[in-house]
Amino acid sequence: MNTAEYLVKKLEELGVNEFFGLPGDYNFNLLYAVENNPNTCWIGCTNELNAGYAADGYARMRGYGALITTYGVGELSAMNAIAGSLAENVPVISIVGVPATKTIENKTCVHHNFQDVDYHACYEAHKHVTAAAAFLTRDNAKMEIDRVLKTFVKERKPVYIAVPLDIAKMEISDKEVSYDWFSDEETLRLVSNKIAAKINNAQKPVILGDLLVKRFDSRIEYKEFVEKTRIPTTNFLMGTNLIDMDYDLYLGGYYAGFENPTAEKYVNETDCLIAVGPVYTDLNAFGFNLPYKINNQIAIYGTHTYVDGEKYDNVKMSDVLEAVTKLVDSKDMKILKPAIGYEHKASSPDALTSEYIYPRLQEFIKDNDIIVAETGIIPHGVAPMKFPAAAELQTQTLWGSIGWATPAALGVCLAKPKSRVILITGEGSHQLTAMEIGNMLRRGVKPIVIVLNNKGYTIERVLSETPEDCFNDIMQMNYSKFARVFEGDVWSTKVSTADDFDKALKVTQIMNKMCYIEICTEAMDMPKLTQDLIANFKSKAPKIEAVKKEEPVKLENSGSMAFETTVHKGFTEE
């Protein structure tokens, strides 16, 4: 078995069946290994950045993802996606085909290179956006692959392996190696007892679940912990739907005073916060408003735990939850459960707004659906929804790279082919990566694509002191017609009223094909949560005076300015 075959085989054993990327003459040997393995297939994307996003979406649902690019030009194009995977604890392996060992040793200047030859420059750069990186040689190939994959499995973060042309074909041992790791038993016993004692002595404990419960595959243990301890529970944005929203002790999402005062009150007044998998950031926690530091309470992470500010390493989240559940007495607490989700909104011939879009989507979503929500204002509309118990929400809340959602939805579709995938993206973000719509059609996946056309970058407009500035305008497209450019089976339409959006969603339920809906709103239309967050942000941010202009600057062929909006009349199938 050669190096490339061994690497592909080990990833297949981790559940990776699709490999994303682009071909290049330095990575052909890697691609042959993917194609020759009967359990893996190659998913070529339109560019390396999109491939990285697709691998990210795949990994979120399947557990791990894989990206293959070529030296220099390919790997650096994908690096932003890998950085986003690091930020959000998404385990994607970036495999890069590089020139042959002799070329590297002689520092020969071949294509995709710098004039000042440094074959390790990209490898060194990737060390900053991965949990482990390796550059394979004749002497270290198998050892380094196994080392990197052990980190991949333990840390659930992206890793990087550079594979020279000749090393990819070199025969290596295929001796089995386990990448599993186990909690340190003594540390596990110590930290579990400390946590249990704090909870048992607490009068007002609260459980706060978040993203890392998903990433470290601990949902079952988390659910048992919540239900058996009978402690009220809430979540940050990225922890949405960790627990059934109908559960009697579910407080709703924590929005730091912007929505749902019940959850805020319990979290702020608790004498024992148990944070499970927290990612404490401005947008995920809706500001830094907690009256204490999370790690000074109880904070259970994927590979370590904090209790009263003291860190305990080498303990799995799932093991800690399971152990504590056995040690804690049921609190059997009661709460006055708040209303969860939006109230029903009747459709009308009026112009479409956020006040109708998100309540209607809440009614549309069903069990086993996966919602992929683009960064910007969309997560703020999605966050307050009431989700069915088995529905899933994926966002890129921390890294927030616009354009992520469309290729990520491709990866999600391939990872979960039996689920209905609903992509909700803004037209500004969509323009960056929309070519993957063609790849969706090529692969036969059938997501429902909803493109929110609000004439530019609305989230940037509302953040700016001068929302009408031309730098937040973008070229307009006929998005509903764009989907039909590709040779594939797609139904598309464009709507601008609540009635027409309602009709369009109903049509998707009888279609056995990709459905693509362009929804048009005013430029400054946004969810209430966005309005509240931005108002709070601006009240605390230092004032930046805008440059005064005699008159607005209008760029030729730049599309609409100053929120001019063309209302599309009627519901039409394109």
Protein backbone atom coordinates (compact mmCIF):
# COMPACT_ATOMS: atom_id res chain seq x y z
CA MET A 1 0.00 0.00 0.00
CA ASN A 2 1.43 3.39 -0.94
CA THR A 3 1.30 6.56 1.14
CA ALA A 4 -1.65 8.13 -0.69
CA GLU A 5 -3.67 4.91 -0.44
CA TYR A 6 -2.91 4.58 3.27
CA LEU A 7 -3.99 8.15 4.00
CA VAL A 8 -7.24 7.76 2.05
CA LYS A 9 -7.94 4.42 3.75
CA LYS A 10 -7.47 5.84 7.25
CA LEU A 11 -9.78 8.76 6.46
CA GLU A 12 -12.37 6.40 5.03
CA GLU A 13 -12.27 4.48 8.31
CA LEU A 14 -13.14 7.75 10.07
CA GLY A 15 -16.25 8.08 7.90
CA VAL A 16 -14.91 10.27 5.09
CA ASN A 17 -16.34 8.98 1.79
CA GLU A 18 -16.24 12.20 -0.24
CA PHE A 19 -13.05 14.19 -0.84
CA PHE A 20 -13.40 17.80 -2.02
CA GLY A 21 -10.94 19.89 -3.99
CA LEU A 22 -9.44 20.68 -7.38
CA PRO A 23 -6.94 18.70 -9.45
CA GLY A 24 -3.41 19.91 -10.05
CA ASP A 25 -0.38 18.16 -11.46
CA TYR A 26 1.20 17.83 -8.00
CA ASN A 27 -1.80 16.04 -6.48
CA PHE A 28 -2.74 13.50 -9.18
CA ASN A 29 -1.35 10.59 -7.15
CA LEU A 30 -3.61 11.58 -4.26
CA LEU A 31 -6.64 11.75 -6.55
CA TYR A 32 -5.87 8.32 -8.01
CA ALA A 33 -5.93 6.92 -4.47
CA VAL A 34 -9.38 8.46 -3.88
CA GLU A 35 -10.76 7.15 -7.17
CA ASN A 36 -9.28 3.66 -6.73
CA ASN A 37 -10.75 3.17 -3.26
CA PRO A 38 -14.21 1.57 -3.77
CA ASN A 39 -15.63 3.44 -0.76
CA THR A 40 -14.48 6.97 -1.61
CA CYS A 41 -15.22 9.43 -4.41
CA TRP A 42 -13.90 12.71 -5.69
CA ILE A 43 -16.01 15.89 -5.54
CA GLY A 44 -14.39 18.50 -7.76
CA CYS A 45 -15.43 22.06 -6.91
CA THR A 46 -15.22 25.30 -8.88
CA ASN A 47 -12.40 26.73 -6.79
CA GLU A 48 -10.33 25.77 -3.77
CA LEU A 49 -12.04 28.15 -1.36
CA ASN A 50 -15.42 26.65 -2.20
CA ALA A 51 -13.96 23.16 -1.80
CA GLY A 52 -12.74 24.09 1.68
CA TYR A 53 -16.17 25.41 2.63
CA ALA A 54 -17.81 22.26 1.25
CA ALA A 55 -15.45 20.04 3.27
CA ASP A 56 -16.33 22.15 6.32
CA GLY A 57 -20.07 21.60 5.79
CA TYR A 58 -19.48 17.88 5.24
CA ALA A 59 -17.41 17.56 8.42
CA ARG A 60 -20.08 19.30 10.51
CA MET A 61 -22.53 16.52 9.66
CA ARG A 62 -20.32 13.48 9.07
CA GLY A 63 -17.73 14.10 11.80
CA TYR A 64 -14.69 14.69 9.57
CA GLY A 65 -14.01 16.23 6.16
CA ALA A 66 -11.19 16.13 3.62
CA LEU A 67 -9.82 18.67 1.16
CA ILE A 68 -7.19 18.00 -1.53
CA THR A 69 -5.44 20.85 -3.33
CA THR A 70 -2.20 21.50 -5.15
CA TYR A 71 0.94 23.23 -3.93
CA GLY A 72 0.98 26.99 -3.42
CA VAL A 73 -1.82 28.41 -5.53
CA GLY A 74 -4.38 25.80 -4.52
CA GLU A 75 -3.70 25.45 -0.82
CA LEU A 76 -3.48 29.19 -0.21
CA SER A 77 -6.78 29.74 -2.01
CA ALA A 78 -8.38 27.33 0.47
CA MET A 79 -6.62 28.68 3.54
CA ASN A 80 -9.45 31.01 4.58
CA ALA A 81 -11.80 28.03 4.73
CA ILE A 82 -9.33 26.08 6.87
CA ALA A 83 -8.98 29.07 9.21
CA GLY A 84 -12.76 29.14 9.58
CA SER A 85 -12.76 25.45 10.40
CA LEU A 86 -10.18 26.11 13.11
CA ALA A 87 -12.24 28.95 14.57
CA GLU A 88 -15.33 26.75 14.75
CA ASN A 89 -13.74 23.42 15.74
CA VAL A 90 -14.55 21.70 12.46
CA PRO A 91 -12.20 18.77 11.72
CA VAL A 92 -11.15 19.17 8.08
CA ILE A 93 -7.89 17.72 6.82
CA SER A 94 -6.11 19.76 4.15
CA ILE A 95 -4.03 17.40 2.00
CA VAL A 96 -1.67 19.14 -0.40
CA GLY A 97 0.20 17.60 -3.30
CA VAL A 98 3.66 19.20 -3.55
CA PRO A 99 6.62 18.76 -5.95
CA ALA A 100 8.88 15.73 -5.71
CA THR A 101 11.50 15.35 -2.98
CA LYS A 102 14.42 15.87 -5.38
CA THR A 103 12.90 19.14 -6.63
CA ILE A 104 12.48 20.29 -3.04
CA GLU A 105 16.01 19.28 -2.00
CA ASN A 106 17.56 21.04 -5.00
CA LYS A 107 15.34 24.12 -4.51
CA THR A 108 14.46 23.99 -8.19
CA CYS A 109 12.09 26.80 -9.13
CA VAL A 110 9.11 25.07 -10.73
CA HIS A 111 5.62 26.47 -11.34
CA HIS A 112 3.33 27.61 -8.50
CA ASN A 113 6.39 28.85 -6.66
CA PHE A 114 8.12 32.00 -5.45
CA GLN A 115 11.26 33.24 -7.18
CA ASP A 116 12.95 32.99 -3.81
CA VAL A 117 12.24 29.28 -3.48
CA ASP A 118 10.90 28.04 -0.15
CA TYR A 119 8.96 24.82 -0.38
CA HIS A 120 8.04 24.93 3.29
CA ALA A 121 6.57 28.45 3.32
CA CYS A 122 2.94 27.34 2.85
CA TYR A 123 3.43 24.48 5.32
CA GLU A 124 4.73 26.96 7.91
CA ALA A 125 1.77 29.26 7.25
CA HIS A 126 -0.69 26.44 7.82
CA LYS A 127 0.74 25.76 11.25
CA HIS A 128 -1.12 28.89 12.38
CA VAL A 129 -4.54 27.68 11.21
CA THR A 130 -4.39 23.98 12.10
CA ALA A 131 -4.00 21.84 15.20
CA ALA A 132 -1.22 19.78 13.58
CA ALA A 133 0.78 19.97 10.37
CA ALA A 134 3.22 17.60 8.64
CA PHE A 135 5.47 17.65 5.59
CA LEU A 136 6.05 14.06 4.55
CA THR A 137 9.50 12.66 3.71
CA ARG A 138 10.92 9.22 2.91
CA ASP A 139 11.66 8.66 6.59
CA ASN A 140 8.57 9.98 8.36
CA ALA A 141 5.55 9.39 6.09
CA LYS A 142 3.55 6.82 8.08
CA MET A 143 4.63 8.12 11.47
CA GLU A 144 3.57 11.68 10.60
CA ILE A 145 0.26 10.62 9.09
CA ASP A 146 -0.60 8.72 12.26
CA ARG A 147 0.54 11.58 14.50
CA VAL A 148 -1.54 14.15 12.64
CA LEU A 149 -4.63 11.95 12.50
CA LYS A 150 -4.44 11.29 16.25
CA THR A 151 -4.59 15.06 16.82
CA PHE A 152 -7.37 15.30 14.22
CA VAL A 153 -9.50 12.84 16.19
CA LYS A 154 -8.71 14.18 19.66
CA GLU A 155 -8.91 17.93 19.07
CA ARG A 156 -11.63 17.95 16.37
CA LYS A 157 -9.80 20.73 14.57
CA PRO A 158 -8.32 21.03 11.07
CA VAL A 159 -4.96 19.47 10.26
CA TYR A 160 -2.57 19.70 7.30
CA ILE A 161 -0.40 17.20 5.43
CA ALA A 162 1.91 18.05 2.50
CA VAL A 163 2.61 15.02 0.31
CA PRO A 164 5.44 15.21 -2.27
CA LEU A 165 4.78 13.55 -5.65
CA ASP A 166 7.18 10.68 -5.07
CA ILE A 167 6.19 10.14 -1.44
CA ALA A 168 2.55 9.69 -2.48
CA LYS A 169 3.59 6.61 -4.51
CA MET A 170 6.08 5.26 -1.95
CA GLU A 171 5.15 1.94 -0.33
CA ILE A 172 4.64 2.11 3.44
CA SER A 173 3.45 -0.22 6.19
CA ASP A 174 -0.31 -0.50 6.58
CA LYS A 175 -0.05 -1.73 10.15
CA GLU A 176 -3.21 -0.81 12.03
CA VAL A 177 -3.00 2.17 14.39
CA SER A 178 -5.80 3.30 16.69
CA TYR A 179 -6.49 7.02 16.84
CA ASP A 180 -8.81 6.71 19.83
CA TRP A 181 -7.83 8.34 23.10
CA PHE A 182 -9.10 7.84 26.63
CA SER A 183 -9.70 10.09 29.60
CA ASP A 184 -7.15 10.02 32.41
CA GLU A 185 -9.06 8.01 35.01
CA GLU A 186 -7.74 9.77 38.09
CA THR A 187 -8.36 13.24 36.65
CA LEU A 188 -11.83 12.18 35.52
CA ARG A 189 -12.71 10.93 39.00
CA LEU A 190 -11.37 14.09 40.65
CA VAL A 191 -13.09 16.59 38.36
CA SER A 192 -16.38 14.69 38.30
CA ASN A 193 -16.57 14.65 42.10
CA LYS A 194 -15.80 18.38 42.27
CA ILE A 195 -18.49 19.22 39.72
CA ALA A 196 -21.06 16.98 41.42
CA ALA A 197 -20.37 18.55 44.81
CA LYS A 198 -20.85 22.07 43.43
CA ILE A 199 -24.10 21.13 41.72
CA ASN A 200 -25.47 19.28 44.74
CA ASN A 201 -24.78 22.29 46.97
CA ALA A 202 -26.23 24.82 44.52
CA GLN A 203 -29.64 26.44 44.95
CA LYS A 204 -29.99 27.95 41.46
CA PRO A 205 -27.92 25.89 39.00
CA VAL A 206 -28.29 26.44 35.24
CA ILE A 207 -26.95 24.39 32.34
CA LEU A 208 -25.75 26.30 29.28
CA GLY A 209 -25.07 24.12 26.23
CA ASP A 210 -23.18 25.19 23.14
CA LEU A 211 -21.33 24.31 19.95
CA LEU A 212 -18.68 21.94 21.27
CA VAL A 213 -21.30 19.43 22.42
CA LYS A 214 -21.97 18.89 18.72
CA ARG A 215 -18.34 18.86 17.66
CA PHE A 216 -17.27 16.32 20.28
CA ASP A 217 -20.17 13.99 19.58
CA SER A 218 -21.61 14.30 23.10
CA ARG A 219 -25.28 14.95 22.44
CA ILE A 220 -26.51 11.72 23.97
CA GLU A 221 -24.55 12.28 27.19
CA TYR A 222 -25.63 15.94 27.28
CA LYS A 223 -29.32 15.03 26.92
CA GLU A 224 -29.08 12.45 29.72
CA PHE A 225 -27.26 14.95 31.95
CA VAL A 226 -29.94 17.61 31.39
CA GLU A 227 -32.89 15.28 31.84
CA LYS A 228 -31.64 13.29 34.83
CA THR A 229 -30.38 16.27 36.85
CA ARG A 230 -33.60 18.23 36.19
CA ILE A 231 -31.75 21.53 36.00
CA PRO A 232 -33.02 24.40 33.79
CA THR A 233 -31.08 24.68 30.53
CA THR A 234 -30.37 27.27 27.86
CA ASN A 235 -27.91 27.73 25.01
CA PHE A 236 -25.88 30.21 23.01
CA LEU A 237 -26.67 30.62 19.29
CA MET A 238 -24.33 27.85 18.06
CA GLY A 239 -25.87 25.46 20.57
CA THR A 240 -29.37 25.83 19.13
CA ASN A 241 -31.52 22.69 19.38
CA LEU A 242 -29.18 20.64 21.55
CA ILE A 243 -32.24 19.78 23.60
CA ASP A 244 -35.86 19.40 22.53
CA MET A 245 -37.38 22.88 22.73
CA ASP A 246 -40.57 21.41 24.21
CA TYR A 247 -38.64 20.08 27.22
CA ASP A 248 -40.27 21.51 30.33
CA LEU A 249 -37.00 22.93 31.78
CA TYR A 250 -35.78 24.50 28.53
CA LEU A 251 -35.45 28.23 29.06
CA GLY A 252 -35.06 29.13 25.39
CA GLY A 253 -31.93 30.63 23.85
CA TYR A 254 -29.73 33.08 25.75
CA TYR A 255 -29.72 36.43 23.93
CA ALA A 256 -28.17 38.63 26.63
CA GLY A 257 -31.14 40.90 27.20
CA PHE A 258 -32.09 41.39 23.56
CA GLU A 259 -34.71 38.64 23.57
CA ASN A 260 -35.99 36.13 26.11
CA PRO A 261 -35.52 37.79 29.52
CA THR A 262 -36.31 34.46 31.24
CA ALA A 263 -33.07 32.81 30.13
CA GLU A 264 -31.10 35.96 30.90
CA LYS A 265 -32.51 36.13 34.43
CA TYR A 266 -31.68 32.50 35.23
CA VAL A 267 -28.15 32.75 33.82
CA ASN A 268 -27.37 36.03 35.54
CA GLU A 269 -28.73 34.93 38.93
CA THR A 270 -27.33 31.40 39.01
CA ASP A 271 -25.07 30.30 41.83
CA CYS A 272 -23.71 27.47 39.67
CA LEU A 273 -23.40 27.77 35.88
CA ILE A 274 -22.56 24.50 34.14
CA ALA A 275 -21.36 25.52 30.67
CA VAL A 276 -21.01 22.54 28.35
CA GLY A 277 -18.99 23.18 25.19
CA PRO A 278 -19.13 26.99 25.36
CA VAL A 279 -17.75 29.33 22.69
CA TYR A 280 -17.92 32.72 24.37
CA THR A 281 -17.80 35.29 21.56
CA ASP A 282 -19.56 38.55 20.76
CA LEU A 283 -22.03 37.17 18.21
CA ASN A 284 -22.53 33.71 19.69
CA ALA A 285 -23.29 35.01 23.19
CA PHE A 286 -24.86 38.26 21.90
CA GLY A 287 -22.27 40.43 23.58
CA PHE A 288 -20.02 39.91 26.58
CA ASN A 289 -22.75 40.45 29.12
CA LEU A 290 -22.29 37.61 31.60
CA PRO A 291 -21.59 38.95 35.11
CA TYR A 292 -18.82 36.35 35.64
CA LYS A 293 -16.16 34.44 33.70
CA ILE A 294 -17.36 31.12 32.35
CA ASN A 295 -14.13 29.29 33.25
CA ASN A 296 -14.47 30.46 36.85
CA GLN A 297 -17.68 28.43 37.10
CA ILE A 298 -17.94 24.92 35.60
CA ALA A 299 -16.93 24.73 31.94
CA ILE A 300 -16.74 21.35 30.22
CA TYR A 301 -14.82 21.35 26.91
CA GLY A 302 -13.98 18.57 24.49
CA THR A 303 -10.66 17.51 26.01
CA HIS A 304 -10.49 19.42 29.29
CA THR A 305 -12.66 20.95 32.01
CA TYR A 306 -12.50 24.02 34.26
CA VAL A 307 -13.85 24.13 37.81
CA ASP A 308 -13.50 27.39 39.76
CA GLY A 309 -10.81 28.56 37.32
CA GLU A 310 -8.67 25.43 37.66
CA LYS A 311 -8.03 23.44 34.47
CA TYR A 312 -8.18 19.63 34.30
CA ASP A 313 -6.63 18.19 31.12
CA ASN A 314 -7.15 14.93 29.26
CA VAL A 315 -10.77 14.28 30.13
CA LYS A 316 -13.39 13.77 27.43
CA MET A 317 -16.55 15.84 27.51
CA SER A 318 -18.69 12.72 27.09
CA ASP A 319 -16.93 10.96 29.97
CA VAL A 320 -17.29 13.94 32.30
CA LEU A 321 -21.00 14.29 31.53
CA GLU A 322 -21.63 10.59 32.02
CA ALA A 323 -19.74 10.49 35.31
CA VAL A 324 -21.35 13.64 36.73
CA THR A 325 -24.83 12.43 35.76
CA LYS A 326 -24.33 9.39 37.99
CA LEU A 327 -23.14 11.51 40.93
CA VAL A 328 -25.63 14.37 40.94
CA ASP A 329 -28.92 14.25 42.81
CA SER A 330 -31.95 15.21 40.78
CA LYS A 331 -32.80 18.84 41.46
CA ASP A 332 -36.32 18.45 40.11
CA MET A 333 -36.54 22.20 39.60
CA LYS A 334 -39.53 24.04 38.18
CA ILE A 335 -39.62 27.04 35.87
CA LEU A 336 -42.27 29.26 34.36
CA LYS A 337 -41.46 28.21 30.81
CA PRO A 338 -41.28 31.15 28.37
CA ALA A 339 -42.91 31.09 24.96
CA ILE A 340 -40.43 29.66 22.47
CA GLY A 341 -40.35 30.77 18.85
CA TYR A 342 -42.29 33.17 16.69
CA GLU A 343 -46.04 33.62 16.72
CA HIS A 344 -47.90 32.72 13.53
CA LYS A 345 -47.99 35.47 10.92
CA ALA A 346 -50.69 35.45 8.27
CA SER A 347 -49.57 35.98 4.68
CA SER A 348 -50.69 39.07 2.79
CA PRO A 349 -50.14 40.87 -0.52
CA ASP A 350 -47.88 43.31 1.32
CA ALA A 351 -44.18 43.65 0.60
CA LEU A 352 -42.06 40.88 2.08
CA THR A 353 -40.25 41.70 5.33
CA SER A 354 -38.34 39.91 8.07
CA GLU A 355 -41.47 40.06 10.23
CA TYR A 356 -43.01 37.46 7.92
CA ILE A 357 -39.99 35.59 6.49
CA TYR A 358 -38.70 33.97 9.67
CA PRO A 359 -42.04 33.03 11.31
CA ARG A 360 -43.05 31.44 8.00
CA LEU A 361 -39.77 29.52 7.77
CA GLN A 362 -40.29 28.32 11.34
CA GLU A 363 -43.57 26.71 10.25
CA PHE A 364 -41.92 25.29 7.12
CA ILE A 365 -39.07 23.47 8.88
CA LYS A 366 -39.71 19.87 9.88
CA ASP A 367 -37.92 17.03 11.68
CA ASN A 368 -34.58 15.96 10.15
CA ASP A 369 -34.23 19.19 8.15
CA ILE A 370 -30.80 20.81 8.15
CA ILE A 371 -30.76 24.60 7.92
CA VAL A 372 -27.55 26.20 6.66
CA ALA A 373 -27.71 29.91 7.50
CA GLU A 374 -25.27 32.41 6.03
CA THR A 375 -23.50 34.90 8.25
CA GLY A 376 -24.86 38.45 8.55
CA ILE A 377 -28.44 39.26 9.51
CA ILE A 378 -29.87 35.81 8.71
CA PRO A 379 -28.77 34.03 11.94
CA HIS A 380 -30.52 36.75 13.92
CA GLY A 381 -33.78 35.87 12.20
CA VAL A 382 -33.21 32.14 12.57
CA ALA A 383 -32.02 32.12 16.21
CA PRO A 384 -35.42 32.87 17.85
CA MET A 385 -37.19 30.12 15.87
CA LYS A 386 -38.69 27.07 17.52
CA PHE A 387 -37.11 24.06 15.83
CA PRO A 388 -38.52 20.53 15.60
CA ALA A 389 -36.60 18.18 17.89
CA ALA A 390 -34.60 16.49 15.13
CA ALA A 391 -33.89 19.56 12.98
CA GLU A 392 -30.35 20.93 12.76
CA LEU A 393 -28.99 24.48 12.40
CA GLN A 394 -25.54 25.19 10.98
CA THR A 395 -24.01 28.68 10.95
CA GLN A 396 -20.50 30.10 10.83
CA THR A 397 -21.06 32.48 13.72
CA LEU A 398 -17.50 33.07 14.92
CA TRP A 399 -15.45 33.19 11.70
CA GLY A 400 -18.28 34.79 9.71
CA SER A 401 -16.81 34.49 6.22
CA ILE A 402 -19.46 35.63 3.75
CA GLY A 403 -20.06 33.08 1.02
CA TRP A 404 -19.44 30.10 3.31
CA ALA A 405 -23.03 28.86 3.35
CA THR A 406 -23.56 27.93 -0.32
CA PRO A 407 -20.59 25.52 -0.66
CA ALA A 408 -21.12 24.33 2.93
CA ALA A 409 -24.66 23.36 1.94
CA LEU A 410 -23.19 21.21 -0.86
CA GLY A 411 -21.08 19.40 1.72
CA VAL A 412 -24.06 19.00 4.06
CA CYS A 413 -26.18 17.54 1.24
CA LEU A 414 -23.54 14.94 0.43
CA ALA A 415 -22.93 14.10 4.08
CA LYS A 416 -26.65 13.64 4.83
CA PRO A 417 -28.33 12.59 1.57
CA LYS A 418 -31.58 11.54 3.30
CA SER A 419 -32.16 14.91 4.99
CA ARG A 420 -33.83 17.95 3.46
CA VAL A 421 -31.28 20.77 3.34
CA ILE A 422 -32.46 24.39 3.41
CA LEU A 423 -29.86 26.98 2.47
CA ILE A 424 -30.66 30.56 3.50
CA THR A 425 -28.16 33.07 2.15
CA GLY A 426 -27.94 36.74 1.25
CA GLU A 427 -27.34 37.78 -2.33
CA GLY A 428 -24.09 39.56 -1.43
CA SER A 429 -22.65 36.43 0.15
CA HIS A 430 -24.10 34.23 -2.59
CA GLN A 431 -22.21 36.11 -5.30
CA LEU A 432 -18.89 35.00 -3.80
CA THR A 433 -19.54 31.27 -4.11
CA ALA A 434 -22.70 30.77 -6.18
CA MET A 435 -20.99 28.56 -8.77
CA GLU A 436 -21.39 25.61 -6.41
CA ILE A 437 -25.09 25.64 -7.35
CA GLY A 438 -23.88 24.00 -10.57
CA ASN A 439 -22.02 21.40 -8.55
CA MET A 440 -25.18 20.65 -6.55
CA LEU A 441 -27.03 19.99 -9.78
CA ARG A 442 -24.16 17.90 -11.12
CA ARG A 443 -24.19 15.73 -7.99
CA GLY A 444 -27.96 15.34 -8.00
CA VAL A 445 -28.57 16.87 -4.58
CA LYS A 446 -31.84 18.75 -4.08
CA PRO A 447 -31.59 21.51 -1.48
CA ILE A 448 -34.07 24.33 -1.10
CA VAL A 449 -32.08 27.49 -1.76
CA ILE A 450 -33.46 30.77 -0.45
CA VAL A 451 -31.56 33.87 -1.58
CA LEU A 452 -32.41 37.03 0.36
CA ASN A 453 -32.00 39.92 -2.10
CA ASN A 454 -31.83 43.16 -0.13
CA LYS A 455 -29.74 45.14 -2.63
CA GLY A 456 -26.32 44.91 -1.04
CA TYR A 457 -24.60 44.31 2.27
CA THR A 458 -27.34 45.13 4.77
CA ILE A 459 -25.35 44.07 7.84
CA GLU A 460 -22.57 46.47 6.79
CA ARG A 461 -25.04 49.24 6.06
CA VAL A 462 -26.48 49.06 9.55
CA LEU A 463 -23.01 48.96 11.10
CA SER A 464 -21.93 52.00 9.11
CA GLU A 465 -22.53 55.61 10.10
CA THR A 466 -23.53 56.28 6.49
CA PRO A 467 -25.59 53.31 5.26
CA GLU A 468 -26.05 54.78 1.77
CA ASP A 469 -22.33 54.60 0.97
CA CYS A 470 -21.68 52.98 -2.40
CA PHE A 471 -19.21 50.45 -0.99
CA ASN A 472 -22.18 48.52 0.37
CA ASP A 473 -23.81 48.29 -3.05
CA ILE A 474 -23.28 45.28 -5.28
CA MET A 475 -24.04 44.42 -8.89
CA GLN A 476 -27.57 43.10 -9.19
CA MET A 477 -28.28 39.74 -10.81
CA ASN A 478 -31.35 37.84 -11.92
CA TYR A 479 -30.76 35.25 -9.23
CA SER A 480 -33.82 33.12 -9.95
CA LYS A 481 -32.65 32.82 -13.57
CA PHE A 482 -29.05 32.19 -12.55
CA ALA A 483 -29.92 28.74 -11.22
CA ARG A 484 -31.09 27.75 -14.72
CA VAL A 485 -27.76 28.62 -16.35
CA PHE A 486 -26.51 25.16 -15.43
CA GLU A 487 -27.58 21.97 -17.13
CA GLY A 488 -29.67 20.52 -14.34
CA ASP A 489 -33.17 20.01 -13.05
CA VAL A 490 -34.19 23.02 -10.96
CA TRP A 491 -37.36 24.94 -10.19
CA SER A 492 -36.86 28.64 -9.48
CA THR A 493 -38.91 31.72 -8.77
CA LYS A 494 -38.66 35.30 -7.56
CA VAL A 495 -41.01 36.75 -4.95
CA SER A 496 -41.46 40.02 -3.13
CA THR A 497 -44.72 39.63 -1.18
CA ALA A 498 -45.67 37.49 1.78
CA ASP A 499 -48.40 35.75 -0.23
CA ASP A 500 -45.95 34.77 -2.97
CA PHE A 501 -43.32 33.54 -0.51
CA ASP A 502 -45.97 31.37 1.13
CA LYS A 503 -46.95 29.93 -2.27
CA ALA A 504 -43.33 29.31 -3.21
CA LEU A 505 -42.64 27.34 -0.04
CA LYS A 506 -45.73 25.23 -0.66
CA VAL A 507 -44.57 24.45 -4.19
CA THR A 508 -41.20 23.17 -2.92
CA GLN A 509 -43.02 20.49 -0.94
CA ILE A 510 -44.25 18.80 -4.11
CA MET A 511 -41.02 19.17 -6.07
CA ASN A 512 -38.48 16.37 -6.35
CA LYS A 513 -35.69 18.64 -7.52
CA MET A 514 -33.60 21.58 -6.38
CA CYS A 515 -35.79 24.59 -5.58
CA TYR A 516 -34.31 28.08 -5.78
CA ILE A 517 -36.28 31.04 -4.40
CA GLU A 518 -35.13 34.65 -4.68
CA ILE A 519 -36.89 36.75 -2.03
CA CYS A 520 -36.76 40.53 -2.37
CA THR A 521 -36.92 42.98 0.53
CA GLU A 522 -36.04 46.58 1.19
CA ALA A 523 -32.34 47.31 1.75
CA MET A 524 -32.70 48.13 5.45
CA ASP A 525 -35.16 45.41 6.35
CA MET A 526 -33.75 43.21 9.10
CA PRO A 527 -34.80 41.04 12.05
CA LYS A 528 -35.57 42.76 15.34
CA LEU A 529 -32.66 40.96 17.00
CA THR A 530 -30.26 42.54 14.50
CA GLN A 531 -31.66 45.98 15.24
CA ASP A 532 -31.26 45.51 18.99
CA LEU A 533 -27.74 44.09 18.70
CA ILE A 534 -26.51 46.87 16.44
CA ALA A 535 -28.05 49.57 18.62
CA ASN A 536 -26.26 48.09 21.63
CA PHE A 537 -23.00 47.76 19.72
CA LYS A 538 -23.11 51.35 18.50
CA SER A 539 -23.90 52.67 21.97
CA LYS A 540 -20.65 51.15 23.26
CA ALA A 541 -18.39 51.64 20.24
CA PRO A 542 -16.17 54.72 19.79
CA LYS A 543 -17.67 57.20 17.37
CA ILE A 544 -16.14 57.34 13.90
CA GLU A 545 -17.08 60.45 11.96
CA ALA A 546 -18.09 59.76 8.41
CA VAL A 547 -16.43 61.67 5.58
CA LYS A 548 -18.75 64.45 4.48
CA LYS A 549 -19.59 64.52 0.79
CA GLU A 550 -21.19 67.25 -1.26
CA GLU A 551 -23.41 64.69 -3.01
CA PRO A 552 -23.66 60.92 -3.23
CA VAL A 553 -21.18 59.26 -5.52
CA LYS A 554 -22.83 56.97 -8.05
CA LEU A 555 -20.69 54.46 -9.88
CA GLU A 556 -21.56 53.79 -13.48
CA ASN A 557 -23.24 50.38 -13.94
CA SER A 558 -23.11 49.80 -10.18
CA GLY A 559 -26.80 48.97 -9.81
CA SER A 560 -29.16 50.63 -7.37
CA MET A 561 -28.00 53.20 -4.87
CA ALA A 562 -29.47 54.69 -1.73
CA PHE A 563 -31.81 51.73 -1.23
CA GLU A 564 -33.71 52.12 -4.49
CA THR A 565 -35.82 48.98 -4.66
CA THR A 566 -37.62 47.45 -7.61
CA VAL A 567 -40.60 45.42 -6.38
CA HIS A 568 -41.20 42.26 -8.37
CA LYS A 569 -44.97 41.90 -8.82
CA GLY A 570 -46.58 38.50 -8.63
CA PHE A 571 -45.51 34.90 -8.19
CA THR A 572 -43.92 33.52 -11.34
CA GLU A 573 -42.09 30.34 -12.09
CA GLU A 574 -38.95 31.11 -14.06
